[in-house]
PDB file of N, CA and C in Angstrom:
ATOM      1  N   MET A   1     -30.062   2.923   0.966  1.00  0.00           N
ATOM      2  CA  MET A   1     -29.562   1.868   0.110  1.00  0.00           C
ATOM      3  C   MET A   1     -28.250   2.282  -0.559  1.00  0.00           C
ATOM      4  N   ASN A   2     -28.148   3.564  -0.935  1.00  0.00           N
ATOM      5  CA  ASN A   2     -26.914   4.032  -1.549  1.00  0.00           C
ATOM      6  C   ASN A   2     -25.721   3.827  -0.636  1.00  0.00           C
ATOM      7  N   TYR A   3     -25.899   4.087   0.667  1.00  0.00           N
ATOM      8  CA  TYR A   3     -24.812   3.922   1.631  1.00  0.00           C
ATOM      9  C   TYR A   3     -24.305   2.481   1.622  1.00  0.00           C
ATOM     10  N   LEU A   4     -25.198   1.514   1.583  1.00  0.00           N
ATOM     11  CA  LEU A   4     -24.810   0.108   1.559  1.00  0.00           C
ATOM     12  C   LEU A   4     -24.036  -0.224   0.284  1.00  0.00           C
ATOM     13  N   ILE A   5     -24.527   0.216  -0.845  1.00  0.00           N
ATOM     14  CA  ILE A   5     -23.850  -0.046  -2.125  1.00  0.00           C
ATOM     15  C   ILE A   5     -22.485   0.638  -2.150  1.00  0.00           C
ATOM     16  N   GLU A   6     -22.432   1.893  -1.703  1.00  0.00           N
ATOM     17  CA  GLU A   6     -21.158   2.611  -1.648  1.00  0.00           C
ATOM     18  C   GLU A   6     -20.170   1.902  -0.735  1.00  0.00           C
ATOM     19  N   THR A   7     -20.655   1.441   0.405  1.00  0.00           N
ATOM     20  CA  THR A   7     -19.804   0.720   1.350  1.00  0.00           C
ATOM     21  C   THR A   7     -19.253  -0.551   0.720  1.00  0.00           C
ATOM     22  N   LEU A   8     -20.110  -1.312   0.064  1.00  0.00           N
ATOM     23  CA  LEU A   8     -19.656  -2.546  -0.584  1.00  0.00           C
ATOM     24  C   LEU A   8     -18.608  -2.260  -1.648  1.00  0.00           C
ATOM     25  N   ILE A   9     -18.847  -1.264  -2.476  1.00  0.00           N
ATOM     26  CA  ILE A   9     -17.912  -0.947  -3.559  1.00  0.00           C
ATOM     27  C   ILE A   9     -16.578  -0.460  -2.995  1.00  0.00           C
ATOM     28  N   VAL A  10     -16.623   0.510  -2.089  1.00  0.00           N
ATOM     29  CA  VAL A  10     -15.387   1.046  -1.514  1.00  0.00           C
ATOM     30  C   VAL A  10     -14.631  -0.052  -0.775  1.00  0.00           C
ATOM     31  N   GLY A  11     -15.332  -0.859   0.012  1.00  0.00           N
ATOM     32  CA  GLY A  11     -14.684  -1.935   0.765  1.00  0.00           C
ATOM     33  C   GLY A  11     -14.047  -2.985  -0.126  1.00  0.00           C
ATOM     34  N   LEU A  12     -14.778  -3.407  -1.153  1.00  0.00           N
ATOM     35  CA  LEU A  12     -14.238  -4.421  -2.065  1.00  0.00           C
ATOM     36  C   LEU A  12     -13.046  -3.898  -2.858  1.00  0.00           C
ATOM     37  N   VAL A  13     -13.169  -2.675  -3.370  1.00  0.00           N
ATOM     38  CA  VAL A  13     -12.080  -2.108  -4.170  1.00  0.00           C
ATOM     39  C   VAL A  13     -10.843  -1.871  -3.303  1.00  0.00           C
ATOM     40  N   ALA A  14     -11.022  -1.281  -2.135  1.00  0.00           N
ATOM     41  CA  ALA A  14      -9.879  -1.014  -1.258  1.00  0.00           C
ATOM     42  C   ALA A  14      -9.189  -2.310  -0.835  1.00  0.00           C
ATOM     43  N   THR A  15      -9.955  -3.317  -0.517  1.00  0.00           N
ATOM     44  CA  THR A  15      -9.377  -4.596  -0.102  1.00  0.00           C
ATOM     45  C   THR A  15      -8.670  -5.271  -1.271  1.00  0.00           C
ATOM     46  N   ALA A  16      -9.251  -5.192  -2.451  1.00  0.00           N
ATOM     47  CA  ALA A  16      -8.609  -5.771  -3.635  1.00  0.00           C
ATOM     48  C   ALA A  16      -7.302  -5.048  -3.964  1.00  0.00           C
ATOM     49  N   VAL A  17      -7.287  -3.732  -3.819  1.00  0.00           N
ATOM     50  CA  VAL A  17      -6.044  -2.974  -4.044  1.00  0.00           C
ATOM     51  C   VAL A  17      -4.979  -3.427  -3.055  1.00  0.00           C
ATOM     52  N   MET A  18      -5.366  -3.631  -1.822  1.00  0.00           N
ATOM     53  CA  MET A  18      -4.435  -4.122  -0.815  1.00  0.00           C
ATOM     54  C   MET A  18      -3.879  -5.496  -1.206  1.00  0.00           C
ATOM     55  N   ASP A  19      -4.738  -6.345  -1.738  1.00  0.00           N
ATOM     56  CA  ASP A  19      -4.300  -7.676  -2.157  1.00  0.00           C
ATOM     57  C   ASP A  19      -3.358  -7.612  -3.360  1.00  0.00           C
ATOM     58  N   VAL A  20      -3.646  -6.727  -4.296  1.00  0.00           N
ATOM     59  CA  VAL A  20      -2.759  -6.554  -5.458  1.00  0.00           C
ATOM     60  C   VAL A  20      -1.397  -6.063  -4.975  1.00  0.00           C
ATOM     61  N   TRP A  21      -1.384  -5.107  -4.057  1.00  0.00           N
ATOM     62  CA  TRP A  21      -0.123  -4.628  -3.496  1.00  0.00           C
ATOM     63  C   TRP A  21       0.624  -5.782  -2.820  1.00  0.00           C
ATOM     64  N   GLY A  22      -0.078  -6.665  -2.147  1.00  0.00           N
ATOM     65  CA  GLY A  22       0.556  -7.819  -1.514  1.00  0.00           C
ATOM     66  C   GLY A  22       1.268  -8.710  -2.516  1.00  0.00           C
ATOM     67  N   VAL A  23       0.700  -8.868  -3.691  1.00  0.00           N
ATOM     68  CA  VAL A  23       1.321  -9.683  -4.743  1.00  0.00           C
ATOM     69  C   VAL A  23       2.499  -8.943  -5.371  1.00  0.00           C
ATOM     70  N   VAL A  24       2.349  -7.653  -5.589  1.00  0.00           N
ATOM     71  CA  VAL A  24       3.373  -6.852  -6.262  1.00  0.00           C
ATOM     72  C   VAL A  24       4.600  -6.626  -5.375  1.00  0.00           C
ATOM     73  N   ARG A  25       4.401  -6.520  -4.078  1.00  0.00           N
ATOM     74  CA  ARG A  25       5.520  -6.199  -3.202  1.00  0.00           C
ATOM     75  C   ARG A  25       6.545  -7.317  -3.080  1.00  0.00           C
ATOM     76  N   LYS A  26       6.147  -8.555  -3.375  1.00  0.00           N
ATOM     77  CA  LYS A  26       7.115  -9.660  -3.294  1.00  0.00           C
ATOM     78  C   LYS A  26       8.260  -9.461  -4.285  1.00  0.00           C
ATOM     79  N   PRO A  27       7.988  -9.284  -5.588  1.00  0.00           N
ATOM     80  CA  PRO A  27       9.116  -9.080  -6.496  1.00  0.00           C
ATOM     81  C   PRO A  27       9.809  -7.723  -6.298  1.00  0.00           C
ATOM     82  N   LEU A  28       9.050  -6.717  -5.862  1.00  0.00           N
ATOM     83  CA  LEU A  28       9.642  -5.384  -5.696  1.00  0.00           C
ATOM     84  C   LEU A  28      10.476  -5.256  -4.423  1.00  0.00           C
ATOM     85  N   LEU A  29       9.944  -5.766  -3.322  1.00  0.00           N
ATOM     86  CA  LEU A  29      10.575  -5.569  -2.014  1.00  0.00           C
ATOM     87  C   LEU A  29      11.005  -6.857  -1.325  1.00  0.00           C
ATOM     88  N   GLY A  30      10.638  -7.996  -1.897  1.00  0.00           N
ATOM     89  CA  GLY A  30      10.978  -9.269  -1.275  1.00  0.00           C
ATOM     90  C   GLY A  30      10.104  -9.617  -0.084  1.00  0.00           C
ATOM     91  N   LEU A  31       8.978  -8.920   0.075  1.00  0.00           N
ATOM     92  CA  LEU A  31       8.063  -9.186   1.191  1.00  0.00           C
ATOM     93  C   LEU A  31       6.902 -10.041   0.721  1.00  0.00           C
ATOM     94  N   PRO A  32       6.616 -11.135   1.391  1.00  0.00           N
ATOM     95  CA  PRO A  32       5.507 -11.998   0.954  1.00  0.00           C
ATOM     96  C   PRO A  32       4.147 -11.366   1.232  1.00  0.00           C
ATOM     97  N   ALA A  33       3.164 -11.808   0.489  1.00  0.00           N
ATOM     98  CA  ALA A  33       1.783 -11.374   0.720  1.00  0.00           C
ATOM     99  C   ALA A  33       1.299 -11.932   2.056  1.00  0.00           C
ATOM    100  N   ALA A  34       0.309 -11.294   2.625  1.00  0.00           N
ATOM    101  CA  ALA A  34      -0.253 -11.758   3.894  1.00  0.00           C
ATOM    102  C   ALA A  34      -0.872 -13.146   3.724  1.00  0.00           C
ATOM    103  N   ASP A  35      -0.800 -13.937   4.779  1.00  0.00           N
ATOM    104  CA  ASP A  35      -1.364 -15.288   4.759  1.00  0.00           C
ATOM    105  C   ASP A  35      -2.672 -15.274   5.547  1.00  0.00           C
ATOM    106  N   TYR A  36      -3.770 -15.082   4.848  1.00  0.00           N
ATOM    107  CA  TYR A  36      -5.066 -14.979   5.516  1.00  0.00           C
ATOM    108  C   TYR A  36      -5.550 -16.323   6.042  1.00  0.00           C
ATOM    109  N   ARG A  37      -4.876 -17.379   5.669  1.00  0.00           N
ATOM    110  CA  ARG A  37      -5.164 -18.694   6.236  1.00  0.00           C
ATOM    111  C   ARG A  37      -4.934 -18.644   7.751  1.00  0.00           C
ATOM    112  N   LEU A  38      -3.898 -17.924   8.169  1.00  0.00           N
ATOM    113  CA  LEU A  38      -3.605 -17.827   9.599  1.00  0.00           C
ATOM    114  C   LEU A  38      -4.655 -16.991  10.330  1.00  0.00           C
ATOM    115  N   VAL A  39      -5.182 -15.978   9.665  1.00  0.00           N
ATOM    116  CA  VAL A  39      -6.284 -15.200  10.243  1.00  0.00           C
ATOM    117  C   VAL A  39      -7.495 -16.112  10.419  1.00  0.00           C
ATOM    118  N   GLY A  40      -7.762 -16.919   9.402  1.00  0.00           N
ATOM    119  CA  GLY A  40      -8.863 -17.870   9.485  1.00  0.00           C
ATOM    120  C   GLY A  40      -8.670 -18.881  10.601  1.00  0.00           C
ATOM    121  N   ARG A  41      -7.442 -19.319  10.791  1.00  0.00           N
ATOM    122  CA  ARG A  41      -7.151 -20.266  11.879  1.00  0.00           C
ATOM    123  C   ARG A  41      -7.435 -19.601  13.222  1.00  0.00           C
ATOM    124  N   TRP A  42      -6.966 -18.365  13.367  1.00  0.00           N
ATOM    125  CA  TRP A  42      -7.178 -17.624  14.622  1.00  0.00           C
ATOM    126  C   TRP A  42      -8.672 -17.493  14.905  1.00  0.00           C
ATOM    127  N   ILE A  43      -9.439 -17.087  13.895  1.00  0.00           N
ATOM    128  CA  ILE A  43     -10.886 -16.916  14.069  1.00  0.00           C
ATOM    129  C   ILE A  43     -11.573 -18.259  14.321  1.00  0.00           C
ATOM    130  N   ALA A  44     -11.150 -19.295  13.620  1.00  0.00           N
ATOM    131  CA  ALA A  44     -11.771 -20.617  13.790  1.00  0.00           C
ATOM    132  C   ALA A  44     -11.575 -21.151  15.207  1.00  0.00           C
ATOM    133  N   TYR A  45     -10.466 -20.789  15.835  1.00  0.00           N
ATOM    134  CA  TYR A  45     -10.240 -21.226  17.216  1.00  0.00           C
ATOM    135  C   TYR A  45     -11.163 -20.525  18.205  1.00  0.00           C
ATOM    136  N   PHE A  46     -11.794 -19.416  17.828  1.00  0.00           N
ATOM    137  CA  PHE A  46     -12.737 -18.738  18.723  1.00  0.00           C
ATOM    138  C   PHE A  46     -13.844 -19.700  19.156  1.00  0.00           C
ATOM    139  N   ALA A  47     -14.319 -20.526  18.230  1.00  0.00           N
ATOM    140  CA  ALA A  47     -15.398 -21.472  18.543  1.00  0.00           C
ATOM    141  C   ALA A  47     -14.964 -22.497  19.583  1.00  0.00           C
ATOM    142  N   ARG A  48     -13.659 -22.674  19.724  1.00  0.00           N
ATOM    143  CA  ARG A  48     -13.125 -23.609  20.724  1.00  0.00           C
ATOM    144  C   ARG A  48     -12.733 -22.883  22.012  1.00  0.00           C
ATOM    145  N   GLY A  49     -13.053 -21.589  22.069  1.00  0.00           N
ATOM    146  CA  GLY A  49     -12.764 -20.820  23.272  1.00  0.00           C
ATOM    147  C   GLY A  49     -11.331 -20.345  23.387  1.00  0.00           C
ATOM    148  N   LYS A  50     -10.570 -20.447  22.316  1.00  0.00           N
ATOM    149  CA  LYS A  50      -9.165 -20.021  22.351  1.00  0.00           C
ATOM    150  C   LYS A  50      -9.015 -18.755  21.523  1.00  0.00           C
ATOM    151  N   PHE A  51      -8.553 -17.680  22.176  1.00  0.00           N
ATOM    152  CA  PHE A  51      -8.446 -16.368  21.527  1.00  0.00           C
ATOM    153  C   PHE A  51      -7.002 -15.893  21.419  1.00  0.00           C
ATOM    154  N   ARG A  52      -6.102 -16.556  22.132  1.00  0.00           N
ATOM    155  CA  ARG A  52      -4.701 -16.148  22.132  1.00  0.00           C
ATOM    156  C   ARG A  52      -3.829 -17.367  21.897  1.00  0.00           C
ATOM    157  N   HIS A  53      -2.764 -17.155  21.107  1.00  0.00           N
ATOM    158  CA  HIS A  53      -1.835 -18.242  20.777  1.00  0.00           C
ATOM    159  C   HIS A  53      -0.409 -17.731  20.924  1.00  0.00           C
ATOM    160  N   GLU A  54       0.476 -18.599  21.382  1.00  0.00           N
ATOM    161  CA  GLU A  54       1.889 -18.231  21.401  1.00  0.00           C
ATOM    162  C   GLU A  54       2.375 -18.022  19.969  1.00  0.00           C
ATOM    163  N   SER A  55       1.953 -18.906  19.069  1.00  0.00           N
ATOM    164  CA  SER A  55       2.286 -18.791  17.646  1.00  0.00           C
ATOM    165  C   SER A  55       1.142 -19.420  16.857  1.00  0.00           C
ATOM    166  N   ILE A  56       0.384 -18.589  16.166  1.00  0.00           N
ATOM    167  CA  ILE A  56      -0.738 -19.112  15.390  1.00  0.00           C
ATOM    168  C   ILE A  56      -0.229 -20.012  14.268  1.00  0.00           C
ATOM    169  N   ALA A  57       0.961 -19.742  13.772  1.00  0.00           N
ATOM    170  CA  ALA A  57       1.530 -20.564  12.698  1.00  0.00           C
ATOM    171  C   ALA A  57       1.820 -21.985  13.187  1.00  0.00           C
ATOM    172  N   LYS A  58       2.082 -22.145  14.475  1.00  0.00           N
ATOM    173  CA  LYS A  58       2.372 -23.465  15.034  1.00  0.00           C
ATOM    174  C   LYS A  58       1.119 -24.179  15.545  1.00  0.00           C
ATOM    175  N   ALA A  59       0.013 -23.470  15.625  1.00  0.00           N
ATOM    176  CA  ALA A  59      -1.243 -24.092  16.070  1.00  0.00           C
ATOM    177  C   ALA A  59      -1.710 -25.071  14.995  1.00  0.00           C
ATOM    178  N   PRO A  60      -2.280 -26.185  15.392  1.00  0.00           N
ATOM    179  CA  PRO A  60      -2.768 -27.147  14.389  1.00  0.00           C
ATOM    180  C   PRO A  60      -3.791 -26.511  13.443  1.00  0.00           C
ATOM    181  N   ALA A  61      -3.668 -26.851  12.179  1.00  0.00           N
ATOM    182  CA  ALA A  61      -4.575 -26.317  11.159  1.00  0.00           C
ATOM    183  C   ALA A  61      -5.998 -26.816  11.418  1.00  0.00           C
ATOM    184  N   LEU A  62      -6.964 -25.987  11.036  1.00  0.00           N
ATOM    185  CA  LEU A  62      -8.375 -26.337  11.169  1.00  0.00           C
ATOM    186  C   LEU A  62      -9.022 -26.308   9.789  1.00  0.00           C
ATOM    187  N   SER A  63     -10.091 -27.066   9.634  1.00  0.00           N
ATOM    188  CA  SER A  63     -10.765 -27.093   8.338  1.00  0.00           C
ATOM    189  C   SER A  63     -11.373 -25.721   8.027  1.00  0.00           C
ATOM    190  N   LEU A  64     -11.373 -25.369   6.785  1.00  0.00           N
ATOM    191  CA  LEU A  64     -11.945 -24.131   6.255  1.00  0.00           C
ATOM    192  C   LEU A  64     -11.218 -22.865   6.702  1.00  0.00           C
ATOM    193  N   GLU A  65     -10.036 -22.970   7.288  1.00  0.00           N
ATOM    194  CA  GLU A  65      -9.354 -21.785   7.795  1.00  0.00           C
ATOM    195  C   GLU A  65      -9.007 -20.796   6.684  1.00  0.00           C
ATOM    196  N   GLN A  66      -8.658 -21.291   5.503  1.00  0.00           N
ATOM    197  CA  GLN A  66      -8.329 -20.369   4.412  1.00  0.00           C
ATOM    198  C   GLN A  66      -9.572 -19.598   3.963  1.00  0.00           C
ATOM    199  N   LEU A  67     -10.675 -20.283   3.808  1.00  0.00           N
ATOM    200  CA  LEU A  67     -11.931 -19.635   3.429  1.00  0.00           C
ATOM    201  C   LEU A  67     -12.364 -18.627   4.498  1.00  0.00           C
ATOM    202  N   ILE A  68     -12.270 -19.012   5.746  1.00  0.00           N
ATOM    203  CA  ILE A  68     -12.638 -18.129   6.853  1.00  0.00           C
ATOM    204  C   ILE A  68     -11.749 -16.888   6.853  1.00  0.00           C
ATOM    205  N   GLY A  69     -10.464 -17.077   6.638  1.00  0.00           N
ATOM    206  CA  GLY A  69      -9.521 -15.956   6.631  1.00  0.00           C
ATOM    207  C   GLY A  69      -9.794 -14.962   5.519  1.00  0.00           C
ATOM    208  N   TRP A  70     -10.004 -15.469   4.295  1.00  0.00           N
ATOM    209  CA  TRP A  70     -10.290 -14.572   3.170  1.00  0.00           C
ATOM    210  C   TRP A  70     -11.639 -13.883   3.339  1.00  0.00           C
ATOM    211  N   ALA A  71     -12.628 -14.603   3.839  1.00  0.00           N
ATOM    212  CA  ALA A  71     -13.943 -13.988   4.073  1.00  0.00           C
ATOM    213  C   ALA A  71     -13.834 -12.887   5.127  1.00  0.00           C
ATOM    214  N   ALA A  72     -13.096 -13.152   6.191  1.00  0.00           N
ATOM    215  CA  ALA A  72     -12.910 -12.151   7.244  1.00  0.00           C
ATOM    216  C   ALA A  72     -12.164 -10.934   6.699  1.00  0.00           C
ATOM    217  N   HIS A  73     -11.166 -11.161   5.871  1.00  0.00           N
ATOM    218  CA  HIS A  73     -10.381 -10.076   5.274  1.00  0.00           C
ATOM    219  C   HIS A  73     -11.287  -9.129   4.479  1.00  0.00           C
ATOM    220  N   TYR A  74     -12.129  -9.680   3.623  1.00  0.00           N
ATOM    221  CA  TYR A  74     -13.021  -8.836   2.818  1.00  0.00           C
ATOM    222  C   TYR A  74     -14.151  -8.245   3.653  1.00  0.00           C
ATOM    223  N   LEU A  75     -14.649  -8.973   4.625  1.00  0.00           N
ATOM    224  CA  LEU A  75     -15.682  -8.433   5.507  1.00  0.00           C
ATOM    225  C   LEU A  75     -15.136  -7.242   6.308  1.00  0.00           C
ATOM    226  N   LEU A  76     -13.932  -7.387   6.821  1.00  0.00           N
ATOM    227  CA  LEU A  76     -13.325  -6.272   7.557  1.00  0.00           C
ATOM    228  C   LEU A  76     -13.079  -5.075   6.642  1.00  0.00           C
ATOM    229  N   GLY A  77     -12.707  -5.344   5.398  1.00  0.00           N
ATOM    230  CA  GLY A  77     -12.550  -4.252   4.439  1.00  0.00           C
ATOM    231  C   GLY A  77     -13.838  -3.473   4.273  1.00  0.00           C
ATOM    232  N   MET A  78     -14.940  -4.174   4.228  1.00  0.00           N
ATOM    233  CA  MET A  78     -16.242  -3.501   4.092  1.00  0.00           C
ATOM    234  C   MET A  78     -16.637  -2.779   5.383  1.00  0.00           C
ATOM    235  N   VAL A  79     -16.299  -3.343   6.530  1.00  0.00           N
ATOM    236  CA  VAL A  79     -16.582  -2.680   7.811  1.00  0.00           C
ATOM    237  C   VAL A  79     -15.770  -1.385   7.912  1.00  0.00           C
ATOM    238  N   PHE A  80     -14.502  -1.448   7.526  1.00  0.00           N
ATOM    239  CA  PHE A  80     -13.676  -0.243   7.543  1.00  0.00           C
ATOM    240  C   PHE A  80     -14.213   0.802   6.569  1.00  0.00           C
ATOM    241  N   ALA A  81     -14.671   0.365   5.395  1.00  0.00           N
ATOM    242  CA  ALA A  81     -15.257   1.288   4.422  1.00  0.00           C
ATOM    243  C   ALA A  81     -16.511   1.936   4.999  1.00  0.00           C
ATOM    244  N   ALA A  82     -17.311   1.163   5.701  1.00  0.00           N
ATOM    245  CA  ALA A  82     -18.519   1.720   6.331  1.00  0.00           C
ATOM    246  C   ALA A  82     -18.129   2.794   7.337  1.00  0.00           C
ATOM    247  N   GLY A  83     -17.068   2.559   8.080  1.00  0.00           N
ATOM    248  CA  GLY A  83     -16.591   3.559   9.033  1.00  0.00           C
ATOM    249  C   GLY A  83     -16.119   4.823   8.341  1.00  0.00           C
ATOM    250  N   LEU A  84     -15.356   4.670   7.274  1.00  0.00           N
ATOM    251  CA  LEU A  84     -14.881   5.826   6.511  1.00  0.00           C
ATOM    252  C   LEU A  84     -16.052   6.637   5.983  1.00  0.00           C
ATOM    253  N   LEU A  85     -16.998   5.964   5.368  1.00  0.00           N
ATOM    254  CA  LEU A  85     -18.142   6.668   4.794  1.00  0.00           C
ATOM    255  C   LEU A  85     -19.029   7.281   5.871  1.00  0.00           C
ATOM    256  N   ALA A  86     -19.086   6.662   7.027  1.00  0.00           N
ATOM    257  CA  ALA A  86     -19.905   7.210   8.121  1.00  0.00           C
ATOM    258  C   ALA A  86     -19.310   8.512   8.654  1.00  0.00           C
ATOM    259  N   VAL A  87     -17.988   8.578   8.772  1.00  0.00           N
ATOM    260  CA  VAL A  87     -17.381   9.790   9.340  1.00  0.00           C
ATOM    261  C   VAL A  87     -17.173  10.888   8.303  1.00  0.00           C
ATOM    262  N   THR A  88     -17.224  10.557   7.035  1.00  0.00           N
ATOM    263  CA  THR A  88     -17.016  11.578   5.996  1.00  0.00           C
ATOM    264  C   THR A  88     -18.302  12.020   5.328  1.00  0.00           C
ATOM    265  N   ARG A  89     -19.435  11.495   5.756  1.00  0.00           N
ATOM    266  CA  ARG A  89     -20.714  11.849   5.144  1.00  0.00           C
ATOM    267  C   ARG A  89     -21.109  13.249   5.533  1.00  0.00           C
ATOM    268  N   PRO A  90     -21.868  13.908   4.810  1.00  0.00           N
ATOM    269  CA  PRO A  90     -22.313  13.559   3.467  1.00  0.00           C
ATOM    270  C   PRO A  90     -21.356  14.122   2.414  1.00  0.00           C
ATOM    271  N   GLY A  91     -21.347  13.521   1.289  1.00  0.00           N
ATOM    272  CA  GLY A  91     -20.679  14.089   0.129  1.00  0.00           C
ATOM    273  C   GLY A  91     -19.284  13.614  -0.205  1.00  0.00           C
ATOM    274  N   TRP A  92     -18.577  12.990   0.720  1.00  0.00           N
ATOM    275  CA  TRP A  92     -17.192  12.604   0.412  1.00  0.00           C
ATOM    276  C   TRP A  92     -17.140  11.635  -0.763  1.00  0.00           C
ATOM    277  N   ILE A  93     -18.062  10.725  -0.841  1.00  0.00           N
ATOM    278  CA  ILE A  93     -18.036   9.714  -1.900  1.00  0.00           C
ATOM    279  C   ILE A  93     -18.204  10.357  -3.282  1.00  0.00           C
ATOM    280  N   GLN A  94     -18.913  11.476  -3.369  1.00  0.00           N
ATOM    281  CA  GLN A  94     -19.067  12.157  -4.656  1.00  0.00           C
ATOM    282  C   GLN A  94     -17.809  12.939  -5.020  1.00  0.00           C
ATOM    283  N   ARG A  95     -17.100  13.436  -4.029  1.00  0.00           N
ATOM    284  CA  ARG A  95     -15.873  14.201  -4.243  1.00  0.00           C
ATOM    285  C   ARG A  95     -14.811  13.722  -3.266  1.00  0.00           C
ATOM    286  N   PRO A  96     -14.292  12.516  -3.478  1.00  0.00           N
ATOM    287  CA  PRO A  96     -13.309  11.985  -2.529  1.00  0.00           C
ATOM    288  C   PRO A  96     -12.008  12.785  -2.562  1.00  0.00           C
ATOM    289  N   THR A  97     -11.421  12.928  -1.382  1.00  0.00           N
ATOM    290  CA  THR A  97     -10.125  13.569  -1.244  1.00  0.00           C
ATOM    291  C   THR A  97      -9.178  12.610  -0.536  1.00  0.00           C
ATOM    292  N   LEU A  98      -7.906  12.855  -0.700  1.00  0.00           N
ATOM    293  CA  LEU A  98      -6.906  11.939  -0.171  1.00  0.00           C
ATOM    294  C   LEU A  98      -6.841  11.950   1.355  1.00  0.00           C
ATOM    295  N   GLY A  99      -7.010  13.109   1.971  1.00  0.00           N
ATOM    296  CA  GLY A  99      -6.834  13.229   3.418  1.00  0.00           C
ATOM    297  C   GLY A  99      -7.610  12.229   4.250  1.00  0.00           C
ATOM    298  N   PRO A 100      -8.938  12.229   4.176  1.00  0.00           N
ATOM    299  CA  PRO A 100      -9.702  11.280   4.997  1.00  0.00           C
ATOM    300  C   PRO A 100      -9.375   9.817   4.683  1.00  0.00           C
ATOM    301  N   ALA A 101      -9.191   9.507   3.406  1.00  0.00           N
ATOM    302  CA  ALA A 101      -8.870   8.125   3.032  1.00  0.00           C
ATOM    303  C   ALA A 101      -7.515   7.709   3.607  1.00  0.00           C
ATOM    304  N   LEU A 102      -6.541   8.599   3.541  1.00  0.00           N
ATOM    305  CA  LEU A 102      -5.211   8.292   4.055  1.00  0.00           C
ATOM    306  C   LEU A 102      -5.217   8.138   5.568  1.00  0.00           C
ATOM    307  N   ILE A 103      -5.882   9.040   6.257  1.00  0.00           N
ATOM    308  CA  ILE A 103      -5.969   8.958   7.722  1.00  0.00           C
ATOM    309  C   ILE A 103      -6.678   7.673   8.137  1.00  0.00           C
ATOM    310  N   PHE A 104      -7.788   7.386   7.500  1.00  0.00           N
ATOM    311  CA  PHE A 104      -8.532   6.175   7.847  1.00  0.00           C
ATOM    312  C   PHE A 104      -7.721   4.930   7.491  1.00  0.00           C
ATOM    313  N   GLY A 105      -7.003   4.976   6.376  1.00  0.00           N
ATOM    314  CA  GLY A 105      -6.148   3.853   5.982  1.00  0.00           C
ATOM    315  C   GLY A 105      -5.079   3.566   7.014  1.00  0.00           C
ATOM    316  N   VAL A 106      -4.435   4.596   7.518  1.00  0.00           N
ATOM    317  CA  VAL A 106      -3.407   4.413   8.549  1.00  0.00           C
ATOM    318  C   VAL A 106      -4.027   3.817   9.806  1.00  0.00           C
ATOM    319  N   LEU A 107      -5.192   4.312  10.186  1.00  0.00           N
ATOM    320  CA  LEU A 107      -5.862   3.773  11.368  1.00  0.00           C
ATOM    321  C   LEU A 107      -6.216   2.296  11.196  1.00  0.00           C
ATOM    322  N   THR A 108      -6.661   1.921  10.000  1.00  0.00           N
ATOM    323  CA  THR A 108      -7.037   0.518   9.790  1.00  0.00           C
ATOM    324  C   THR A 108      -5.820  -0.389   9.701  1.00  0.00           C
ATOM    325  N   VAL A 109      -4.687   0.149   9.305  1.00  0.00           N
ATOM    326  CA  VAL A 109      -3.448  -0.646   9.304  1.00  0.00           C
ATOM    327  C   VAL A 109      -3.028  -0.943  10.738  1.00  0.00           C
ATOM    328  N   ALA A 110      -3.364  -0.047  11.648  1.00  0.00           N
ATOM    329  CA  ALA A 110      -3.002  -0.240  13.046  1.00  0.00           C
ATOM    330  C   ALA A 110      -3.784  -1.378  13.703  1.00  0.00           C
ATOM    331  N   VAL A 111      -4.978  -1.679  13.207  1.00  0.00           N
ATOM    332  CA  VAL A 111      -5.831  -2.696  13.833  1.00  0.00           C
ATOM    333  C   VAL A 111      -5.133  -4.058  13.948  1.00  0.00           C
ATOM    334  N   PRO A 112      -4.544  -4.585  12.880  1.00  0.00           N
ATOM    335  CA  PRO A 112      -3.883  -5.884  13.039  1.00  0.00           C
ATOM    336  C   PRO A 112      -2.752  -5.859  14.064  1.00  0.00           C
ATOM    337  N   PHE A 113      -2.026  -4.751  14.130  1.00  0.00           N
ATOM    338  CA  PHE A 113      -0.920  -4.656  15.084  1.00  0.00           C
ATOM    339  C   PHE A 113      -1.402  -4.512  16.519  1.00  0.00           C
ATOM    340  N   LEU A 114      -2.541  -3.885  16.702  1.00  0.00           N
ATOM    341  CA  LEU A 114      -3.047  -3.654  18.060  1.00  0.00           C
ATOM    342  C   LEU A 114      -4.002  -4.724  18.554  1.00  0.00           C
ATOM    343  N   VAL A 115      -4.622  -5.466  17.632  1.00  0.00           N
ATOM    344  CA  VAL A 115      -5.598  -6.487  18.036  1.00  0.00           C
ATOM    345  C   VAL A 115      -5.084  -7.888  17.719  1.00  0.00           C
ATOM    346  N   MET A 116      -4.772  -8.121  16.453  1.00  0.00           N
ATOM    347  CA  MET A 116      -4.458  -9.492  16.029  1.00  0.00           C
ATOM    348  C   MET A 116      -3.052  -9.937  16.458  1.00  0.00           C
ATOM    349  N   GLN A 117      -2.064  -9.092  16.296  1.00  0.00           N
ATOM    350  CA  GLN A 117      -0.701  -9.497  16.656  1.00  0.00           C
ATOM    351  C   GLN A 117      -0.562  -9.840  18.140  1.00  0.00           C
ATOM    352  N   PRO A 118      -1.113  -9.022  19.044  1.00  0.00           N
ATOM    353  CA  PRO A 118      -1.015  -9.403  20.450  1.00  0.00           C
ATOM    354  C   PRO A 118      -1.718 -10.717  20.774  1.00  0.00           C
ATOM    355  N   ALA A 119      -2.766 -11.035  20.029  1.00  0.00           N
ATOM    356  CA  ALA A 119      -3.503 -12.268  20.307  1.00  0.00           C
ATOM    357  C   ALA A 119      -2.799 -13.454  19.676  1.00  0.00           C
TER     358      ALA A 119
END
């Protein structure tokens, strides 16, 4: 049970930090926050058998895409946290160090570029 609670906490906190950075980077760097509505649109099209788009932004909007996108964003954050905790067990959560978190963070940043962007 502890593993599940730890996973939820780490996943939620890490994902929320990412979202805060998305808001902060606009005034600092001029980069907009991610649009999870488009992630939701991409996922919502799975039910219609469509997994690849020339431009997801140009695909017709679907109902609930924003909710689906945000839910997927936080769910993936928790899945990534579960992976981090699985490979660093036992004990990392009691004495976290930067190395494993940084390595895992870089790997999870690669997922959208290797999976979602090509699709």
